[in-house]
Amino acid sequence: MIRLPLSLEKKLKELMPKAADRDAFVTGLLEAALDVKPVNGDLPEAIGGTIHLFTDGGSRGNPGQAAVGIVLEDPQTGKVLKTHMARIGITTNNVAEYRALIEGLKLAQKFRPNTLIAHLDSELVVNQLNGEYRVKMPSLQPLVNEITALSKSFPRISFVYVPRLDNHRADVLVNRALDELPDPPYEKHI
C-alpha cells in the first residue's frame, strides 16, 4: 500500500476510524481513477502485459498506390485494442510492409506492453529484422533503423512470420484503405 501524507492520514482517520474502511476507500478511489474511460473514441491505454501487433502493407503495382493496415490485439481476451489504416502514396510492397510496422510500433507504444509480438506476412521483412537476411537495398536501411530505434521502447519484442490467412484483418484494412480512402498528396516513397 502507498503511504499517504500525514495530513491526509489524519483526516481519513477522523472520517473512518477503522483501518479496513480507510483501505477500502483508498482502494476504491484508486480503482476508479485507474479505470480510464475512452477519450475521443479511443480505448484507454493499457500498462504492461503482452500485446499482439498485426501489420500489413501493400501496393497495387510495384511501385504503385500503397496502404498500411494495423491491428493491435490483447491475446488474453482476443479483444481488438486498436485498428488503423492509411494510404501512404506511391511506393513498393516492401516499403509498405516496413511502413506498416513502423506505424504499428508507434501505436503499440501508447499501450506500454511488457512484451510485443509483431506478426507480419512478409518473410523478407521478418527475416531481415531478425538478422537472418541482410538488408541489401539501401532504400530500406533507414526504415530498418527506425524500427530498431522504436523497438528499444519495448522491454521484449519479437517479429514473427505468419501466413497471409492468419493476417487477414490487417490485409482487409490495406484493401479498404486503397478502395475507400482518398489519395494522399503525391509523395513517392521508393
N, C-alpha and C. Protein backbone atom coordinates (compact mmCIF):
# COMPACT_ATOMS: atom_id res chain seq x y z
N MET A 1 0.85 -1.18 0.00
CA MET A 1 0.00 0.00 0.00
C MET A 1 0.89 1.24 0.00
N ILE A 2 0.43 2.28 -0.65
CA ILE A 2 1.21 3.51 -0.68
C ILE A 2 1.05 4.27 0.63
N ARG A 3 2.02 5.09 0.92
CA ARG A 3 1.97 5.90 2.14
C ARG A 3 1.38 7.25 1.79
N LEU A 4 0.39 7.66 2.54
CA LEU A 4 -0.26 8.94 2.33
C LEU A 4 0.40 10.01 3.20
N PRO A 5 0.34 11.26 2.76
CA PRO A 5 0.86 12.33 3.63
C PRO A 5 0.12 12.31 4.97
N LEU A 6 0.82 12.70 6.03
CA LEU A 6 0.29 12.66 7.39
C LEU A 6 -1.03 13.42 7.52
N SER A 7 -1.15 14.57 6.86
CA SER A 7 -2.39 15.35 6.95
C SER A 7 -3.58 14.57 6.38
N LEU A 8 -3.36 13.83 5.29
CA LEU A 8 -4.44 13.02 4.72
C LEU A 8 -4.76 11.83 5.62
N GLU A 9 -3.74 11.21 6.17
CA GLU A 9 -3.94 10.09 7.09
C GLU A 9 -4.83 10.51 8.26
N LYS A 10 -4.52 11.68 8.85
CA LYS A 10 -5.30 12.18 10.00
C LYS A 10 -6.75 12.40 9.60
N LYS A 11 -6.95 13.05 8.47
CA LYS A 11 -8.31 13.36 8.01
C LYS A 11 -9.10 12.07 7.77
N LEU A 12 -8.44 11.09 7.13
CA LEU A 12 -9.11 9.81 6.89
C LEU A 12 -9.46 9.10 8.19
N LYS A 13 -8.58 9.17 9.19
CA LYS A 13 -8.84 8.53 10.48
C LYS A 13 -10.04 9.18 11.17
N GLU A 14 -10.16 10.50 11.02
CA GLU A 14 -11.32 11.19 11.61
C GLU A 14 -12.61 10.74 10.94
N LEU A 15 -12.56 10.62 9.62
CA LEU A 15 -13.76 10.24 8.87
C LEU A 15 -14.08 8.75 9.00
N MET A 16 -13.04 7.93 9.03
CA MET A 16 -13.22 6.48 9.08
C MET A 16 -12.26 5.89 10.10
N PRO A 17 -12.72 5.66 11.32
CA PRO A 17 -11.84 5.15 12.36
C PRO A 17 -11.26 3.76 12.07
N LYS A 18 -11.99 2.91 11.34
CA LYS A 18 -11.50 1.54 11.09
C LYS A 18 -10.52 1.53 9.92
N ALA A 19 -9.37 0.90 10.12
CA ALA A 19 -8.34 0.82 9.09
C ALA A 19 -8.86 0.13 7.83
N ALA A 20 -9.67 -0.90 8.01
CA ALA A 20 -10.22 -1.63 6.86
C ALA A 20 -11.09 -0.72 6.00
N ASP A 21 -11.86 0.15 6.65
CA ASP A 21 -12.70 1.10 5.91
C ASP A 21 -11.84 2.10 5.13
N ARG A 22 -10.78 2.57 5.78
CA ARG A 22 -9.89 3.53 5.10
C ARG A 22 -9.23 2.87 3.89
N ASP A 23 -8.74 1.64 4.09
CA ASP A 23 -8.09 0.93 2.99
C ASP A 23 -9.06 0.70 1.84
N ALA A 24 -10.29 0.31 2.16
CA ALA A 24 -11.29 0.08 1.11
C ALA A 24 -11.60 1.37 0.37
N PHE A 25 -11.69 2.48 1.10
CA PHE A 25 -11.97 3.77 0.50
C PHE A 25 -10.86 4.20 -0.46
N VAL A 26 -9.61 4.11 0.00
CA VAL A 26 -8.47 4.50 -0.83
C VAL A 26 -8.36 3.58 -2.05
N THR A 27 -8.55 2.28 -1.84
CA THR A 27 -8.52 1.32 -2.95
C THR A 27 -9.60 1.65 -3.97
N GLY A 28 -10.79 1.96 -3.49
CA GLY A 28 -11.89 2.32 -4.39
C GLY A 28 -11.58 3.56 -5.21
N LEU A 29 -10.99 4.56 -4.56
CA LEU A 29 -10.60 5.78 -5.29
C LEU A 29 -9.56 5.49 -6.36
N LEU A 30 -8.57 4.68 -6.00
CA LEU A 30 -7.52 4.35 -6.97
C LEU A 30 -8.09 3.54 -8.13
N GLU A 31 -8.94 2.57 -7.82
CA GLU A 31 -9.54 1.77 -8.89
C GLU A 31 -10.36 2.65 -9.81
N ALA A 32 -11.13 3.55 -9.25
CA ALA A 32 -11.94 4.45 -10.08
C ALA A 32 -11.06 5.37 -10.93
N ALA A 33 -9.98 5.85 -10.34
CA ALA A 33 -9.08 6.74 -11.07
C ALA A 33 -8.35 6.01 -12.19
N LEU A 34 -7.99 4.76 -11.96
CA LEU A 34 -7.26 3.99 -12.97
C LEU A 34 -8.16 3.38 -14.03
N ASP A 35 -9.44 3.33 -13.80
CA ASP A 35 -10.39 2.80 -14.77
C ASP A 35 -10.74 3.92 -15.76
N VAL A 36 -9.77 4.26 -16.61
CA VAL A 36 -9.90 5.38 -17.53
C VAL A 36 -10.94 5.04 -18.59
N LYS A 37 -11.82 5.96 -18.85
CA LYS A 37 -12.84 5.79 -19.89
C LYS A 37 -12.28 6.28 -21.22
N PRO A 38 -12.84 5.79 -22.34
CA PRO A 38 -12.35 6.24 -23.64
C PRO A 38 -12.45 7.75 -23.79
N VAL A 39 -11.43 8.33 -24.40
CA VAL A 39 -11.39 9.76 -24.67
C VAL A 39 -11.39 9.93 -26.19
N ASN A 40 -12.30 10.72 -26.71
CA ASN A 40 -12.40 10.93 -28.15
C ASN A 40 -12.53 9.62 -28.92
N GLY A 41 -13.21 8.65 -28.34
CA GLY A 41 -13.45 7.39 -29.02
C GLY A 41 -12.30 6.39 -28.93
N ASP A 42 -11.16 6.78 -28.36
CA ASP A 42 -10.03 5.87 -28.23
C ASP A 42 -10.20 5.02 -26.99
N LEU A 43 -9.70 3.79 -27.07
CA LEU A 43 -9.71 2.93 -25.90
C LEU A 43 -8.65 3.43 -24.92
N PRO A 44 -8.82 3.14 -23.64
CA PRO A 44 -7.80 3.56 -22.68
C PRO A 44 -6.48 2.85 -22.96
N GLU A 45 -5.41 3.48 -22.57
CA GLU A 45 -4.11 2.89 -22.76
C GLU A 45 -3.87 1.87 -21.65
N ALA A 46 -3.34 0.72 -22.04
CA ALA A 46 -3.03 -0.33 -21.09
C ALA A 46 -1.61 -0.12 -20.58
N ILE A 47 -1.29 -0.74 -19.48
CA ILE A 47 0.06 -0.69 -18.95
C ILE A 47 0.50 -2.14 -18.75
N GLY A 48 1.61 -2.51 -19.38
CA GLY A 48 2.16 -3.83 -19.19
C GLY A 48 1.47 -4.90 -20.00
N GLY A 49 1.76 -6.14 -19.65
CA GLY A 49 1.15 -7.27 -20.34
C GLY A 49 1.76 -7.52 -21.70
N THR A 50 1.11 -8.40 -22.43
CA THR A 50 1.54 -8.76 -23.78
C THR A 50 0.50 -8.25 -24.77
N ILE A 51 0.97 -7.70 -25.86
CA ILE A 51 0.09 -7.26 -26.93
C ILE A 51 0.58 -7.88 -28.23
N HIS A 52 -0.37 -8.29 -29.07
CA HIS A 52 -0.05 -8.78 -30.40
C HIS A 52 -0.31 -7.67 -31.39
N LEU A 53 0.64 -7.46 -32.27
CA LEU A 53 0.55 -6.47 -33.33
C LEU A 53 0.54 -7.19 -34.67
N PHE A 54 -0.49 -6.93 -35.47
CA PHE A 54 -0.58 -7.49 -36.81
C PHE A 54 -0.48 -6.33 -37.79
N THR A 55 0.49 -6.39 -38.70
CA THR A 55 0.63 -5.31 -39.67
C THR A 55 0.71 -5.88 -41.07
N ASP A 56 0.25 -5.08 -42.02
CA ASP A 56 0.36 -5.45 -43.42
C ASP A 56 0.49 -4.19 -44.23
N GLY A 57 1.27 -4.27 -45.26
CA GLY A 57 1.41 -3.17 -46.20
C GLY A 57 1.35 -3.74 -47.60
N GLY A 58 0.77 -2.99 -48.50
CA GLY A 58 0.68 -3.48 -49.86
C GLY A 58 0.55 -2.35 -50.84
N SER A 59 0.87 -2.67 -52.09
CA SER A 59 0.71 -1.67 -53.14
C SER A 59 0.06 -2.34 -54.35
N ARG A 60 -0.69 -1.56 -55.07
CA ARG A 60 -1.30 -2.03 -56.31
C ARG A 60 -0.40 -1.55 -57.44
N GLY A 61 0.41 -2.46 -57.89
CA GLY A 61 1.52 -2.15 -58.76
C GLY A 61 2.75 -2.15 -57.86
N ASN A 62 3.91 -2.33 -58.45
CA ASN A 62 5.10 -2.39 -57.59
C ASN A 62 6.25 -1.65 -58.26
N PRO A 63 6.35 -0.34 -58.11
CA PRO A 63 5.60 0.51 -57.17
C PRO A 63 4.21 0.85 -57.68
N GLY A 64 3.37 1.26 -56.73
CA GLY A 64 2.02 1.68 -57.03
C GLY A 64 1.39 2.32 -55.81
N GLN A 65 0.10 2.65 -55.93
CA GLN A 65 -0.61 3.21 -54.77
C GLN A 65 -0.52 2.21 -53.63
N ALA A 66 -0.14 2.69 -52.46
CA ALA A 66 0.13 1.79 -51.34
C ALA A 66 -0.65 2.20 -50.10
N ALA A 67 -0.81 1.23 -49.20
CA ALA A 67 -1.54 1.47 -47.94
C ALA A 67 -0.99 0.55 -46.87
N VAL A 68 -1.35 0.88 -45.62
CA VAL A 68 -0.97 0.07 -44.47
C VAL A 68 -2.23 -0.29 -43.68
N GLY A 69 -2.16 -1.44 -43.02
CA GLY A 69 -3.23 -1.88 -42.12
C GLY A 69 -2.60 -2.39 -40.84
N ILE A 70 -3.20 -2.02 -39.71
CA ILE A 70 -2.62 -2.35 -38.40
C ILE A 70 -3.73 -2.80 -37.46
N VAL A 71 -3.47 -3.88 -36.72
CA VAL A 71 -4.40 -4.37 -35.71
C VAL A 71 -3.60 -4.66 -34.44
N LEU A 72 -4.02 -4.06 -33.33
CA LEU A 72 -3.44 -4.36 -32.01
C LEU A 72 -4.46 -5.19 -31.25
N GLU A 73 -4.00 -6.30 -30.67
CA GLU A 73 -4.91 -7.23 -30.01
C GLU A 73 -4.38 -7.65 -28.65
N ASP A 74 -5.30 -7.77 -27.71
CA ASP A 74 -4.98 -8.34 -26.40
C ASP A 74 -5.11 -9.86 -26.55
N PRO A 75 -3.99 -10.60 -26.45
CA PRO A 75 -4.08 -12.05 -26.67
C PRO A 75 -4.83 -12.80 -25.57
N GLN A 76 -4.94 -12.20 -24.39
CA GLN A 76 -5.67 -12.85 -23.29
C GLN A 76 -7.16 -12.94 -23.59
N THR A 77 -7.70 -11.86 -24.14
CA THR A 77 -9.15 -11.78 -24.37
C THR A 77 -9.52 -11.90 -25.84
N GLY A 78 -8.54 -11.71 -26.72
CA GLY A 78 -8.83 -11.69 -28.15
C GLY A 78 -9.44 -10.38 -28.60
N LYS A 79 -9.53 -9.43 -27.68
CA LYS A 79 -10.16 -8.14 -27.97
C LYS A 79 -9.22 -7.27 -28.80
N VAL A 80 -9.77 -6.66 -29.85
CA VAL A 80 -9.00 -5.73 -30.66
C VAL A 80 -8.92 -4.41 -29.91
N LEU A 81 -7.70 -3.97 -29.64
CA LEU A 81 -7.48 -2.74 -28.89
C LEU A 81 -7.49 -1.52 -29.79
N LYS A 82 -6.99 -1.68 -31.01
CA LYS A 82 -6.89 -0.53 -31.92
C LYS A 82 -6.69 -1.05 -33.33
N THR A 83 -7.30 -0.38 -34.30
CA THR A 83 -7.03 -0.64 -35.71
C THR A 83 -6.67 0.68 -36.38
N HIS A 84 -5.94 0.56 -37.45
CA HIS A 84 -5.56 1.76 -38.20
C HIS A 84 -5.32 1.37 -39.65
N MET A 85 -5.76 2.23 -40.55
CA MET A 85 -5.47 2.03 -41.96
C MET A 85 -5.17 3.40 -42.56
N ALA A 86 -4.29 3.41 -43.54
CA ALA A 86 -3.94 4.68 -44.19
C ALA A 86 -3.34 4.40 -45.55
N ARG A 87 -3.59 5.32 -46.46
CA ARG A 87 -2.90 5.30 -47.74
C ARG A 87 -1.59 6.05 -47.54
N ILE A 88 -0.53 5.57 -48.19
CA ILE A 88 0.79 6.17 -47.95
C ILE A 88 1.44 6.68 -49.24
N GLY A 89 0.70 6.76 -50.33
CA GLY A 89 1.27 7.27 -51.58
C GLY A 89 1.75 6.16 -52.47
N ILE A 90 2.67 6.49 -53.35
CA ILE A 90 3.19 5.52 -54.31
C ILE A 90 4.51 4.98 -53.77
N THR A 91 4.55 3.66 -53.64
CA THR A 91 5.77 3.01 -53.14
C THR A 91 5.73 1.52 -53.50
N THR A 92 6.73 0.79 -53.06
CA THR A 92 6.81 -0.65 -53.33
C THR A 92 6.13 -1.44 -52.21
N ASN A 93 5.88 -2.71 -52.48
CA ASN A 93 5.30 -3.59 -51.46
C ASN A 93 6.19 -3.66 -50.22
N ASN A 94 7.51 -3.80 -50.42
CA ASN A 94 8.41 -3.95 -49.28
C ASN A 94 8.43 -2.69 -48.41
N VAL A 95 8.47 -1.53 -49.04
CA VAL A 95 8.45 -0.28 -48.26
C VAL A 95 7.13 -0.18 -47.50
N ALA A 96 6.02 -0.56 -48.14
CA ALA A 96 4.71 -0.52 -47.47
C ALA A 96 4.69 -1.45 -46.26
N GLU A 97 5.30 -2.62 -46.38
CA GLU A 97 5.36 -3.55 -45.24
C GLU A 97 6.14 -2.92 -44.08
N TYR A 98 7.28 -2.32 -44.38
CA TYR A 98 8.07 -1.67 -43.34
C TYR A 98 7.33 -0.49 -42.73
N ARG A 99 6.70 0.32 -43.57
CA ARG A 99 5.99 1.49 -43.05
C ARG A 99 4.80 1.07 -42.18
N ALA A 100 4.14 -0.04 -42.52
CA ALA A 100 3.04 -0.55 -41.69
C ALA A 100 3.56 -0.92 -40.30
N LEU A 101 4.71 -1.58 -40.27
CA LEU A 101 5.29 -1.98 -38.99
C LEU A 101 5.69 -0.75 -38.17
N ILE A 102 6.26 0.25 -38.82
CA ILE A 102 6.65 1.48 -38.11
C ILE A 102 5.42 2.12 -37.47
N GLU A 103 4.35 2.26 -38.24
CA GLU A 103 3.12 2.86 -37.69
C GLU A 103 2.55 1.99 -36.58
N GLY A 104 2.61 0.67 -36.75
CA GLY A 104 2.12 -0.24 -35.72
C GLY A 104 2.91 -0.12 -34.42
N LEU A 105 4.22 0.00 -34.53
CA LEU A 105 5.05 0.16 -33.33
C LEU A 105 4.72 1.46 -32.62
N LYS A 106 4.49 2.52 -33.38
CA LYS A 106 4.13 3.80 -32.76
C LYS A 106 2.80 3.69 -32.02
N LEU A 107 1.83 2.99 -32.60
CA LEU A 107 0.54 2.80 -31.92
C LEU A 107 0.71 1.92 -30.68
N ALA A 108 1.51 0.88 -30.78
CA ALA A 108 1.70 -0.05 -29.65
C ALA A 108 2.39 0.63 -28.47
N GLN A 109 3.26 1.61 -28.75
CA GLN A 109 3.95 2.31 -27.66
C GLN A 109 2.96 2.92 -26.67
N LYS A 110 1.82 3.37 -27.15
CA LYS A 110 0.83 4.01 -26.29
C LYS A 110 0.27 3.06 -25.24
N PHE A 111 0.36 1.76 -25.51
CA PHE A 111 -0.17 0.76 -24.58
C PHE A 111 0.89 0.24 -23.61
N ARG A 112 2.12 0.63 -23.81
CA ARG A 112 3.24 0.28 -22.94
C ARG A 112 3.28 -1.20 -22.55
N PRO A 113 3.25 -2.10 -23.53
CA PRO A 113 3.29 -3.53 -23.17
C PRO A 113 4.67 -3.95 -22.67
N ASN A 114 4.69 -4.98 -21.84
CA ASN A 114 5.95 -5.58 -21.43
C ASN A 114 6.52 -6.42 -22.57
N THR A 115 5.62 -7.03 -23.33
CA THR A 115 6.01 -7.87 -24.46
C THR A 115 5.15 -7.50 -25.65
N LEU A 116 5.80 -7.30 -26.79
CA LEU A 116 5.09 -7.04 -28.03
C LEU A 116 5.50 -8.10 -29.03
N ILE A 117 4.51 -8.79 -29.57
CA ILE A 117 4.76 -9.78 -30.61
C ILE A 117 4.18 -9.24 -31.90
N ALA A 118 5.07 -8.92 -32.85
CA ALA A 118 4.66 -8.35 -34.13
C ALA A 118 4.53 -9.46 -35.15
N HIS A 119 3.33 -9.60 -35.71
CA HIS A 119 3.03 -10.63 -36.70
C HIS A 119 2.98 -9.97 -38.08
N LEU A 120 3.79 -10.46 -39.01
CA LEU A 120 3.82 -9.93 -40.37
C LEU A 120 3.73 -11.08 -41.35
N ASP A 121 3.12 -10.81 -42.51
CA ASP A 121 3.07 -11.86 -43.53
C ASP A 121 4.15 -11.66 -44.61
N SER A 122 5.16 -10.88 -44.29
CA SER A 122 6.31 -10.69 -45.18
C SER A 122 7.51 -11.42 -44.60
N GLU A 123 7.84 -12.55 -45.21
CA GLU A 123 9.01 -13.31 -44.74
C GLU A 123 10.27 -12.48 -44.87
N LEU A 124 10.37 -11.69 -45.95
CA LEU A 124 11.55 -10.86 -46.15
C LEU A 124 11.76 -9.91 -44.98
N VAL A 125 10.73 -9.17 -44.60
CA VAL A 125 10.85 -8.19 -43.51
C VAL A 125 11.19 -8.89 -42.20
N VAL A 126 10.49 -9.96 -41.88
CA VAL A 126 10.75 -10.69 -40.63
C VAL A 126 12.18 -11.20 -40.59
N ASN A 127 12.63 -11.81 -41.69
CA ASN A 127 14.00 -12.36 -41.71
C ASN A 127 15.05 -11.26 -41.67
N GLN A 128 14.78 -10.11 -42.29
CA GLN A 128 15.74 -9.02 -42.20
C GLN A 128 15.80 -8.46 -40.78
N LEU A 129 14.64 -8.28 -40.15
CA LEU A 129 14.63 -7.74 -38.79
C LEU A 129 15.23 -8.70 -37.78
N ASN A 130 15.09 -9.99 -38.02
CA ASN A 130 15.65 -10.99 -37.11
C ASN A 130 17.11 -11.31 -37.43
N GLY A 131 17.70 -10.60 -38.41
CA GLY A 131 19.10 -10.78 -38.74
C GLY A 131 19.42 -12.01 -39.56
N GLU A 132 18.40 -12.69 -40.08
CA GLU A 132 18.64 -13.88 -40.88
C GLU A 132 18.97 -13.53 -42.33
N TYR A 133 18.49 -12.38 -42.82
CA TYR A 133 18.81 -11.89 -44.16
C TYR A 133 19.45 -10.52 -44.00
N ARG A 134 20.38 -10.22 -44.90
CA ARG A 134 20.96 -8.88 -44.94
C ARG A 134 19.97 -7.95 -45.61
N VAL A 135 20.03 -6.67 -45.28
CA VAL A 135 19.24 -5.66 -45.95
C VAL A 135 20.09 -5.17 -47.12
N LYS A 136 19.75 -5.64 -48.33
CA LYS A 136 20.57 -5.34 -49.49
C LYS A 136 20.21 -4.01 -50.14
N MET A 137 18.95 -3.61 -50.06
CA MET A 137 18.51 -2.38 -50.71
C MET A 137 18.79 -1.18 -49.79
N PRO A 138 19.63 -0.28 -50.22
CA PRO A 138 19.94 0.89 -49.38
C PRO A 138 18.70 1.70 -49.00
N SER A 139 17.67 1.70 -49.85
CA SER A 139 16.46 2.48 -49.54
C SER A 139 15.68 1.91 -48.36
N LEU A 140 15.92 0.63 -48.03
CA LEU A 140 15.21 0.02 -46.90
C LEU A 140 15.93 0.25 -45.57
N GLN A 141 17.24 0.54 -45.62
CA GLN A 141 18.02 0.65 -44.39
C GLN A 141 17.49 1.71 -43.43
N PRO A 142 17.08 2.91 -43.90
CA PRO A 142 16.53 3.89 -42.95
C PRO A 142 15.26 3.38 -42.24
N LEU A 143 14.46 2.57 -42.95
CA LEU A 143 13.26 2.02 -42.34
C LEU A 143 13.63 0.99 -41.27
N VAL A 144 14.61 0.16 -41.56
CA VAL A 144 15.10 -0.81 -40.58
C VAL A 144 15.66 -0.08 -39.37
N ASN A 145 16.41 0.99 -39.61
CA ASN A 145 16.98 1.77 -38.49
C ASN A 145 15.87 2.37 -37.62
N GLU A 146 14.81 2.86 -38.26
CA GLU A 146 13.69 3.44 -37.49
C GLU A 146 13.01 2.37 -36.65
N ILE A 147 12.82 1.19 -37.22
CA ILE A 147 12.20 0.09 -36.48
C ILE A 147 13.09 -0.33 -35.31
N THR A 148 14.39 -0.38 -35.53
CA THR A 148 15.33 -0.73 -34.46
C THR A 148 15.23 0.28 -33.32
N ALA A 149 15.15 1.56 -33.66
CA ALA A 149 15.04 2.60 -32.63
C ALA A 149 13.71 2.48 -31.89
N LEU A 150 12.62 2.29 -32.61
CA LEU A 150 11.31 2.16 -31.96
C LEU A 150 11.25 0.91 -31.08
N SER A 151 11.91 -0.16 -31.50
CA SER A 151 11.89 -1.42 -30.76
C SER A 151 12.50 -1.29 -29.37
N LYS A 152 13.39 -0.33 -29.20
CA LYS A 152 14.05 -0.15 -27.91
C LYS A 152 13.09 0.33 -26.83
N SER A 153 11.91 0.81 -27.22
CA SER A 153 10.95 1.27 -26.22
C SER A 153 10.12 0.12 -25.63
N PHE A 154 10.35 -1.10 -26.11
CA PHE A 154 9.62 -2.27 -25.60
C PHE A 154 10.60 -3.17 -24.85
N PRO A 155 10.25 -3.59 -23.61
CA PRO A 155 11.16 -4.48 -22.88
C PRO A 155 11.47 -5.77 -23.65
N ARG A 156 10.44 -6.33 -24.29
CA ARG A 156 10.61 -7.55 -25.10
C ARG A 156 9.80 -7.37 -26.39
N ILE A 157 10.43 -7.68 -27.50
CA ILE A 157 9.75 -7.59 -28.79
C ILE A 157 10.22 -8.73 -29.67
N SER A 158 9.30 -9.28 -30.44
CA SER A 158 9.68 -10.31 -31.40
C SER A 158 8.91 -10.08 -32.69
N PHE A 159 9.54 -10.47 -33.79
CA PHE A 159 8.95 -10.35 -35.12
C PHE A 159 8.72 -11.75 -35.64
N VAL A 160 7.46 -12.06 -35.94
CA VAL A 160 7.07 -13.42 -36.29
C VAL A 160 6.39 -13.42 -37.65
N TYR A 161 6.80 -14.35 -38.50
CA TYR A 161 6.14 -14.52 -39.80
C TYR A 161 4.85 -15.31 -39.58
N VAL A 162 3.77 -14.84 -40.20
CA VAL A 162 2.50 -15.58 -40.21
C VAL A 162 2.01 -15.64 -41.66
N PRO A 163 1.35 -16.72 -42.05
CA PRO A 163 0.79 -16.77 -43.40
C PRO A 163 -0.27 -15.68 -43.57
N ARG A 164 -0.48 -15.26 -44.81
CA ARG A 164 -1.44 -14.20 -45.10
C ARG A 164 -2.82 -14.49 -44.50
N LEU A 165 -3.25 -15.76 -44.51
CA LEU A 165 -4.58 -16.10 -43.96
C LEU A 165 -4.67 -15.78 -42.47
N ASP A 166 -3.55 -15.86 -41.76
CA ASP A 166 -3.55 -15.55 -40.33
C ASP A 166 -3.40 -14.06 -40.07
N ASN A 167 -3.22 -13.29 -41.14
CA ASN A 167 -3.07 -11.84 -41.02
C ASN A 167 -4.19 -11.14 -41.79
N HIS A 168 -5.31 -11.82 -41.91
CA HIS A 168 -6.40 -11.33 -42.77
C HIS A 168 -6.98 -9.99 -42.32
N ARG A 169 -7.02 -9.73 -41.00
CA ARG A 169 -7.62 -8.46 -40.56
C ARG A 169 -6.80 -7.26 -41.01
N ALA A 170 -5.47 -7.36 -40.90
CA ALA A 170 -4.62 -6.26 -41.37
C ALA A 170 -4.68 -6.15 -42.89
N ASP A 171 -4.74 -7.28 -43.57
CA ASP A 171 -4.83 -7.30 -45.03
C ASP A 171 -6.13 -6.63 -45.50
N VAL A 172 -7.22 -6.91 -44.81
CA VAL A 172 -8.51 -6.29 -45.16
C VAL A 172 -8.41 -4.76 -45.01
N LEU A 173 -7.72 -4.30 -43.97
CA LEU A 173 -7.57 -2.86 -43.77
C LEU A 173 -6.77 -2.22 -44.90
N VAL A 174 -5.73 -2.90 -45.39
CA VAL A 174 -4.95 -2.37 -46.51
C VAL A 174 -5.86 -2.19 -47.72
N ASN A 175 -6.63 -3.21 -48.03
CA ASN A 175 -7.51 -3.13 -49.21
C ASN A 175 -8.62 -2.09 -49.03
N ARG A 176 -9.15 -2.00 -47.82
CA ARG A 176 -10.16 -0.95 -47.56
C ARG A 176 -9.57 0.43 -47.74
N ALA A 177 -8.36 0.63 -47.25
CA ALA A 177 -7.70 1.94 -47.39
C ALA A 177 -7.53 2.27 -48.87
N LEU A 178 -7.10 1.29 -49.66
CA LEU A 178 -6.89 1.54 -51.09
C LEU A 178 -8.21 1.78 -51.82
N ASP A 179 -9.27 1.11 -51.38
CA ASP A 179 -10.57 1.24 -52.04
C ASP A 179 -11.36 2.47 -51.59
N GLU A 180 -11.24 2.82 -50.30
CA GLU A 180 -12.16 3.80 -49.72
C GLU A 180 -11.53 5.16 -49.39
N LEU A 181 -10.25 5.19 -49.07
CA LEU A 181 -9.65 6.45 -48.64
C LEU A 181 -9.16 7.25 -49.84
N PRO A 182 -9.20 8.57 -49.74
CA PRO A 182 -8.72 9.39 -50.86
C PRO A 182 -7.21 9.26 -51.02
N ASP A 183 -6.76 9.53 -52.24
CA ASP A 183 -5.32 9.52 -52.49
C ASP A 183 -4.66 10.58 -51.62
N PRO A 184 -3.52 10.24 -51.01
CA PRO A 184 -2.79 11.28 -50.27
C PRO A 184 -2.14 12.23 -51.27
N PRO A 185 -1.70 13.38 -50.81
CA PRO A 185 -0.97 14.25 -51.73
C PRO A 185 0.19 13.46 -52.33
N TYR A 186 0.52 13.74 -53.57
CA TYR A 186 1.55 12.95 -54.26
C TYR A 186 2.85 12.96 -53.47
N GLU A 187 3.28 11.77 -53.14
CA GLU A 187 4.52 11.60 -52.41
C GLU A 187 5.05 10.24 -52.80
N LYS A 188 6.22 10.21 -53.36
CA LYS A 188 6.81 8.96 -53.83
C LYS A 188 7.76 8.42 -52.78
N HIS A 189 7.55 7.17 -52.35
CA HIS A 189 8.40 6.52 -51.32
C HIS A 189 9.02 5.28 -51.93
N ILE A 190 10.08 5.43 -52.66
CA ILE A 190 10.71 4.25 -53.26
C ILE A 190 12.10 4.09 -52.68
